[in-house]
PDB file of all heavy atoms in Angstrom:
ATOM      1  N   ARG A   1     -74.334  31.379  -7.266  1.00  0.00           N
ATOM      2  CA  ARG A   1     -73.432  32.516  -7.668  1.00  0.00           C
ATOM      3  C   ARG A   1     -74.216  33.824  -7.876  1.00  0.00           C
ATOM      4  O   ARG A   1     -75.401  33.844  -8.026  1.00  0.00           O
ATOM      5  CB  ARG A   1     -72.658  32.153  -8.944  1.00  0.00           C
ATOM      6  CG  ARG A   1     -71.768  30.805  -8.815  1.00  0.00           C
ATOM      7  CD  ARG A   1     -70.624  30.910  -9.802  1.00  0.00           C
ATOM      8  NE  ARG A   1     -69.838  32.098  -9.541  1.00  0.00           N
ATOM      9  CZ  ARG A   1     -69.158  32.709 -10.435  1.00  0.00           C
ATOM     10  NH1 ARG A   1     -69.182  32.328 -11.722  1.00  0.00           N
ATOM     11  NH2 ARG A   1     -68.450  33.767 -10.155  1.00  0.00           N
ATOM     12  N   ASP A   2     -73.391  34.886  -8.010  1.00  0.00           N
ATOM     13  CA  ASP A   2     -74.004  36.163  -8.307  1.00  0.00           C
ATOM     14  C   ASP A   2     -73.787  36.509  -9.785  1.00  0.00           C
ATOM     15  O   ASP A   2     -74.087  37.701 -10.209  1.00  0.00           O
ATOM     16  CB  ASP A   2     -73.336  37.287  -7.418  1.00  0.00           C
ATOM     17  CG  ASP A   2     -71.880  37.509  -7.667  1.00  0.00           C
ATOM     18  OD1 ASP A   2     -71.247  36.694  -8.369  1.00  0.00           O
ATOM     19  OD2 ASP A   2     -71.347  38.449  -7.046  1.00  0.00           O
ATOM     20  N   GLN A   3     -73.282  35.616 -10.573  1.00  0.00           N
ATOM     21  CA  GLN A   3     -73.072  35.818 -11.991  1.00  0.00           C
ATOM     22  C   GLN A   3     -73.023  34.472 -12.632  1.00  0.00           C
ATOM     23  O   GLN A   3     -72.812  33.462 -11.949  1.00  0.00           O
ATOM     24  CB  GLN A   3     -71.761  36.585 -12.291  1.00  0.00           C
ATOM     25  CG  GLN A   3     -70.525  35.928 -11.734  1.00  0.00           C
ATOM     26  CD  GLN A   3     -69.295  36.845 -11.871  1.00  0.00           C
ATOM     27  OE1 GLN A   3     -68.795  36.957 -12.970  1.00  0.00           O
ATOM     28  NE2 GLN A   3     -68.890  37.389 -10.709  1.00  0.00           N
ATOM     29  N   PRO A   4     -73.191  34.356 -13.948  1.00  0.00           N
ATOM     30  CA  PRO A   4     -73.194  33.063 -14.553  1.00  0.00           C
ATOM     31  C   PRO A   4     -71.844  32.357 -14.475  1.00  0.00           C
ATOM     32  O   PRO A   4     -70.806  32.925 -14.439  1.00  0.00           O
ATOM     33  CB  PRO A   4     -73.516  33.334 -16.044  1.00  0.00           C
ATOM     34  CG  PRO A   4     -74.243  34.701 -16.006  1.00  0.00           C
ATOM     35  CD  PRO A   4     -73.606  35.423 -14.882  1.00  0.00           C
ATOM     36  N   TYR A   5     -71.997  30.972 -14.465  1.00  0.00           N
ATOM     37  CA  TYR A   5     -70.838  30.167 -14.549  1.00  0.00           C
ATOM     38  C   TYR A   5     -70.028  30.421 -15.809  1.00  0.00           C
ATOM     39  O   TYR A   5     -70.624  30.758 -16.892  1.00  0.00           O
ATOM     40  CB  TYR A   5     -71.131  28.703 -14.421  1.00  0.00           C
ATOM     41  CG  TYR A   5     -71.283  28.290 -12.958  1.00  0.00           C
ATOM     42  CD1 TYR A   5     -72.586  28.301 -12.373  1.00  0.00           C
ATOM     43  CD2 TYR A   5     -70.245  27.869 -12.215  1.00  0.00           C
ATOM     44  CE1 TYR A   5     -72.776  27.971 -11.019  1.00  0.00           C
ATOM     45  CE2 TYR A   5     -70.439  27.483 -10.871  1.00  0.00           C
ATOM     46  CZ  TYR A   5     -71.667  27.486 -10.298  1.00  0.00           C
ATOM     47  OH  TYR A   5     -71.882  27.152  -8.925  1.00  0.00           O
ATOM     48  N   TYR A   6     -68.719  30.322 -15.829  1.00  0.00           N
ATOM     49  CA  TYR A   6     -67.882  30.681 -16.906  1.00  0.00           C
ATOM     50  C   TYR A   6     -68.107  29.869 -18.138  1.00  0.00           C
ATOM     51  O   TYR A   6     -68.393  30.413 -19.204  1.00  0.00           O
ATOM     52  CB  TYR A   6     -66.429  30.570 -16.443  1.00  0.00           C
ATOM     53  CG  TYR A   6     -65.372  30.987 -17.444  1.00  0.00           C
ATOM     54  CD1 TYR A   6     -65.202  32.311 -17.728  1.00  0.00           C
ATOM     55  CD2 TYR A   6     -64.542  30.076 -18.017  1.00  0.00           C
ATOM     56  CE1 TYR A   6     -64.220  32.747 -18.646  1.00  0.00           C
ATOM     57  CE2 TYR A   6     -63.545  30.442 -18.944  1.00  0.00           C
ATOM     58  CZ  TYR A   6     -63.425  31.767 -19.242  1.00  0.00           C
ATOM     59  OH  TYR A   6     -62.423  32.188 -20.109  1.00  0.00           O
ATOM     60  N   ASP A   7     -68.016  28.546 -18.054  1.00  0.00           N
ATOM     61  CA  ASP A   7     -68.239  27.689 -19.177  1.00  0.00           C
ATOM     62  C   ASP A   7     -68.672  26.277 -18.672  1.00  0.00           C
ATOM     63  O   ASP A   7     -67.911  25.316 -18.799  1.00  0.00           O
ATOM     64  CB  ASP A   7     -67.006  27.556 -20.052  1.00  0.00           C
ATOM     65  CG  ASP A   7     -67.146  26.748 -21.314  1.00  0.00           C
ATOM     66  OD1 ASP A   7     -68.323  26.535 -21.681  1.00  0.00           O
ATOM     67  OD2 ASP A   7     -66.151  26.363 -21.919  1.00  0.00           O
ATOM     68  N   PRO A   8     -69.815  26.164 -18.074  1.00  0.00           N
ATOM     69  CA  PRO A   8     -70.180  24.927 -17.444  1.00  0.00           C
ATOM     70  C   PRO A   8     -70.389  23.753 -18.404  1.00  0.00           C
ATOM     71  O   PRO A   8     -70.992  23.937 -19.486  1.00  0.00           O
ATOM     72  CB  PRO A   8     -71.536  25.299 -16.751  1.00  0.00           C
ATOM     73  CG  PRO A   8     -72.104  26.394 -17.532  1.00  0.00           C
ATOM     74  CD  PRO A   8     -70.934  27.159 -17.975  1.00  0.00           C
ATOM     75  N   ILE A   9     -69.825  22.602 -18.013  1.00  0.00           N
ATOM     76  CA  ILE A   9     -69.913  21.443 -18.835  1.00  0.00           C
ATOM     77  C   ILE A   9     -71.190  20.630 -18.426  1.00  0.00           C
ATOM     78  O   ILE A   9     -71.293  20.254 -17.252  1.00  0.00           O
ATOM     79  CB  ILE A   9     -68.664  20.539 -18.747  1.00  0.00           C
ATOM     80  CG1 ILE A   9     -67.492  21.274 -19.417  1.00  0.00           C
ATOM     81  CG2 ILE A   9     -68.920  19.216 -19.357  1.00  0.00           C
ATOM     82  CD1 ILE A   9     -66.249  20.416 -19.324  1.00  0.00           C
ATOM     83  N   GLY A  10     -72.133  20.488 -19.324  1.00  0.00           N
ATOM     84  CA  GLY A  10     -73.322  19.799 -19.048  1.00  0.00           C
ATOM     85  C   GLY A  10     -74.532  20.453 -19.694  1.00  0.00           C
ATOM     86  O   GLY A  10     -74.358  21.485 -20.428  1.00  0.00           O
ATOM     87  N   ASP A  11     -75.713  19.999 -19.388  1.00  0.00           N
ATOM     88  CA  ASP A  11     -76.914  20.508 -20.018  1.00  0.00           C
ATOM     89  C   ASP A  11     -77.491  21.591 -19.115  1.00  0.00           C
ATOM     90  O   ASP A  11     -78.485  21.475 -18.333  1.00  0.00           O
ATOM     91  CB  ASP A  11     -77.948  19.366 -20.130  1.00  0.00           C
ATOM     92  CG  ASP A  11     -79.206  19.809 -20.894  1.00  0.00           C
ATOM     93  OD1 ASP A  11     -79.058  20.796 -21.629  1.00  0.00           O
ATOM     94  OD2 ASP A  11     -80.181  19.126 -20.783  1.00  0.00           O
ATOM     95  N   TYR A  12     -76.804  22.762 -19.197  1.00  0.00           N
ATOM     96  CA  TYR A  12     -77.251  23.937 -18.354  1.00  0.00           C
ATOM     97  C   TYR A  12     -77.796  25.040 -19.261  1.00  0.00           C
ATOM     98  O   TYR A  12     -77.287  25.277 -20.344  1.00  0.00           O
ATOM     99  CB  TYR A  12     -76.016  24.464 -17.558  1.00  0.00           C
ATOM    100  CG  TYR A  12     -75.509  23.494 -16.516  1.00  0.00           C
ATOM    101  CD1 TYR A  12     -74.366  22.695 -16.809  1.00  0.00           C
ATOM    102  CD2 TYR A  12     -76.132  23.260 -15.355  1.00  0.00           C
ATOM    103  CE1 TYR A  12     -73.872  21.795 -15.950  1.00  0.00           C
ATOM    104  CE2 TYR A  12     -75.623  22.346 -14.408  1.00  0.00           C
ATOM    105  CZ  TYR A  12     -74.500  21.641 -14.760  1.00  0.00           C
ATOM    106  OH  TYR A  12     -74.024  20.729 -13.856  1.00  0.00           O
ATOM    107  N   PRO A  13     -78.836  25.681 -18.800  1.00  0.00           N
ATOM    108  CA  PRO A  13     -79.387  26.828 -19.603  1.00  0.00           C
ATOM    109  C   PRO A  13     -78.432  28.021 -19.586  1.00  0.00           C
ATOM    110  O   PRO A  13     -77.572  28.153 -18.735  1.00  0.00           O
ATOM    111  CB  PRO A  13     -80.716  27.157 -18.843  1.00  0.00           C
ATOM    112  CG  PRO A  13     -80.473  26.716 -17.450  1.00  0.00           C
ATOM    113  CD  PRO A  13     -79.587  25.473 -17.511  1.00  0.00           C
ATOM    114  N   PRO A  14     -78.591  28.947 -20.559  1.00  0.00           N
ATOM    115  CA  PRO A  14     -77.721  30.118 -20.593  1.00  0.00           C
ATOM    116  C   PRO A  14     -77.928  30.942 -19.298  1.00  0.00           C
ATOM    117  O   PRO A  14     -79.028  31.002 -18.791  1.00  0.00           O
ATOM    118  CB  PRO A  14     -78.331  30.891 -21.785  1.00  0.00           C
ATOM    119  CG  PRO A  14     -78.922  29.892 -22.685  1.00  0.00           C
ATOM    120  CD  PRO A  14     -79.474  28.809 -21.762  1.00  0.00           C
ATOM    121  N   GLY A  15     -76.835  31.457 -18.863  1.00  0.00           N
ATOM    122  CA  GLY A  15     -76.853  32.299 -17.581  1.00  0.00           C
ATOM    123  C   GLY A  15     -77.050  31.495 -16.340  1.00  0.00           C
ATOM    124  O   GLY A  15     -77.336  32.050 -15.322  1.00  0.00           O
ATOM    125  N   TRP A  16     -76.662  30.240 -16.365  1.00  0.00           N
ATOM    126  CA  TRP A  16     -76.796  29.322 -15.189  1.00  0.00           C
ATOM    127  C   TRP A  16     -75.964  29.861 -13.982  1.00  0.00           C
ATOM    128  O   TRP A  16     -74.737  30.130 -14.143  1.00  0.00           O
ATOM    129  CB  TRP A  16     -76.322  27.916 -15.551  1.00  0.00           C
ATOM    130  CG  TRP A  16     -76.409  26.986 -14.366  1.00  0.00           C
ATOM    131  CD1 TRP A  16     -75.335  26.457 -13.706  1.00  0.00           C
ATOM    132  CD2 TRP A  16     -77.578  26.418 -13.800  1.00  0.00           C
ATOM    133  NE1 TRP A  16     -75.759  25.570 -12.712  1.00  0.00           N
ATOM    134  CE2 TRP A  16     -77.165  25.580 -12.740  1.00  0.00           C
ATOM    135  CE3 TRP A  16     -78.961  26.560 -14.018  1.00  0.00           C
ATOM    136  CZ2 TRP A  16     -78.054  24.849 -11.970  1.00  0.00           C
ATOM    137  CZ3 TRP A  16     -79.846  25.800 -13.245  1.00  0.00           C
ATOM    138  CH2 TRP A  16     -79.374  24.986 -12.225  1.00  0.00           C
ATOM    139  N   ILE A  17     -76.503  30.038 -12.850  1.00  0.00           N
ATOM    140  CA  ILE A  17     -75.867  30.541 -11.650  1.00  0.00           C
ATOM    141  C   ILE A  17     -75.916  29.589 -10.494  1.00  0.00           C
ATOM    142  O   ILE A  17     -75.552  29.956  -9.327  1.00  0.00           O
ATOM    143  CB  ILE A  17     -76.418  31.950 -11.284  1.00  0.00           C
ATOM    144  CG1 ILE A  17     -77.904  31.825 -10.828  1.00  0.00           C
ATOM    145  CG2 ILE A  17     -76.170  32.990 -12.323  1.00  0.00           C
ATOM    146  CD1 ILE A  17     -78.458  33.117 -10.201  1.00  0.00           C
ATOM    147  N   GLY A  18     -76.444  28.313 -10.747  1.00  0.00           N
ATOM    148  CA  GLY A  18     -76.615  27.488  -9.530  1.00  0.00           C
ATOM    149  C   GLY A  18     -77.911  27.828  -8.899  1.00  0.00           C
ATOM    150  O   GLY A  18     -78.784  28.486  -9.339  1.00  0.00           O
ATOM    151  N   TYR A  19     -78.084  27.295  -7.636  1.00  0.00           N
ATOM    152  CA  TYR A  19     -79.215  27.557  -6.865  1.00  0.00           C
ATOM    153  C   TYR A  19     -79.064  27.319  -5.398  1.00  0.00           C
ATOM    154  O   TYR A  19     -78.008  26.702  -4.937  1.00  0.00           O
ATOM    155  CB  TYR A  19     -80.385  26.603  -7.347  1.00  0.00           C
ATOM    156  CG  TYR A  19     -80.085  25.129  -7.396  1.00  0.00           C
ATOM    157  CD1 TYR A  19     -80.361  24.316  -6.343  1.00  0.00           C
ATOM    158  CD2 TYR A  19     -79.513  24.529  -8.544  1.00  0.00           C
ATOM    159  CE1 TYR A  19     -80.089  22.985  -6.318  1.00  0.00           C
ATOM    160  CE2 TYR A  19     -79.230  23.201  -8.525  1.00  0.00           C
ATOM    161  CZ  TYR A  19     -79.538  22.393  -7.464  1.00  0.00           C
ATOM    162  OH  TYR A  19     -79.262  21.043  -7.467  1.00  0.00           O
ATOM    163  N   SER A  20     -80.001  27.821  -4.618  1.00  0.00           N
ATOM    164  CA  SER A  20     -79.969  27.707  -3.187  1.00  0.00           C
ATOM    165  C   SER A  20     -80.739  26.427  -2.763  1.00  0.00           C
ATOM    166  O   SER A  20     -81.728  26.134  -3.294  1.00  0.00           O
ATOM    167  CB  SER A  20     -80.531  28.932  -2.543  1.00  0.00           C
ATOM    168  OG  SER A  20     -80.698  28.716  -1.125  1.00  0.00           O
ATOM    169  N   ALA A  21     -80.189  25.769  -1.783  1.00  0.00           N
ATOM    170  CA  ALA A  21     -80.804  24.583  -1.265  1.00  0.00           C
ATOM    171  C   ALA A  21     -81.876  24.927  -0.208  1.00  0.00           C
ATOM    172  O   ALA A  21     -82.690  24.062   0.216  1.00  0.00           O
ATOM    173  CB  ALA A  21     -79.841  23.608  -0.656  1.00  0.00           C
ATOM    174  N   VAL A  22     -81.902  26.161   0.238  1.00  0.00           N
ATOM    175  CA  VAL A  22     -82.812  26.652   1.270  1.00  0.00           C
ATOM    176  C   VAL A  22     -83.335  28.006   0.893  1.00  0.00           C
ATOM    177  O   VAL A  22     -82.846  28.653  -0.036  1.00  0.00           O
ATOM    178  CB  VAL A  22     -82.155  26.740   2.642  1.00  0.00           C
ATOM    179  CG1 VAL A  22     -81.770  25.319   3.161  1.00  0.00           C
ATOM    180  CG2 VAL A  22     -80.914  27.634   2.629  1.00  0.00           C
ATOM    181  N   THR A  23     -84.361  28.455   1.570  1.00  0.00           N
ATOM    182  CA  THR A  23     -84.881  29.801   1.351  1.00  0.00           C
ATOM    183  C   THR A  23     -84.206  30.850   2.226  1.00  0.00           C
ATOM    184  O   THR A  23     -83.568  30.501   3.233  1.00  0.00           O
ATOM    185  CB  THR A  23     -86.442  29.825   1.647  1.00  0.00           C
ATOM    186  OG1 THR A  23     -86.617  29.612   3.078  1.00  0.00           O
ATOM    187  CG2 THR A  23     -87.196  28.743   0.891  1.00  0.00           C
ATOM    188  N   MET A  24     -84.343  32.084   1.851  1.00  0.00           N
ATOM    189  CA  MET A  24     -83.787  33.170   2.670  1.00  0.00           C
ATOM    190  C   MET A  24     -84.428  33.180   3.997  1.00  0.00           C
ATOM    191  O   MET A  24     -83.754  33.440   5.089  1.00  0.00           O
ATOM    192  CB  MET A  24     -83.952  34.480   1.885  1.00  0.00           C
ATOM    193  CG  MET A  24     -83.259  35.699   2.657  1.00  0.00           C
ATOM    194  SD  MET A  24     -81.436  35.462   2.725  1.00  0.00           S
ATOM    195  CE  MET A  24     -80.967  36.593   3.991  1.00  0.00           C
ATOM    196  N   GLU A  25     -85.691  32.869   4.106  1.00  0.00           N
ATOM    197  CA  GLU A  25     -86.475  32.831   5.328  1.00  0.00           C
ATOM    198  C   GLU A  25     -85.834  31.791   6.239  1.00  0.00           C
ATOM    199  O   GLU A  25     -85.644  32.021   7.461  1.00  0.00           O
ATOM    200  CB  GLU A  25     -87.860  32.509   5.131  1.00  0.00           C
ATOM    201  CG  GLU A  25     -88.716  32.493   6.438  1.00  0.00           C
ATOM    202  CD  GLU A  25     -90.163  32.184   6.221  1.00  0.00           C
ATOM    203  OE1 GLU A  25     -90.553  31.834   5.034  1.00  0.00           O
ATOM    204  OE2 GLU A  25     -91.002  32.285   7.171  1.00  0.00           O
TER     205      GLU A  25
END
């Protein structure tokens, strides 16, 4: 995401935005 998840359920750090499975390259 381009902003934090709204209210994620689970053990996520503050400001969690997910992640990419690949690099931009």
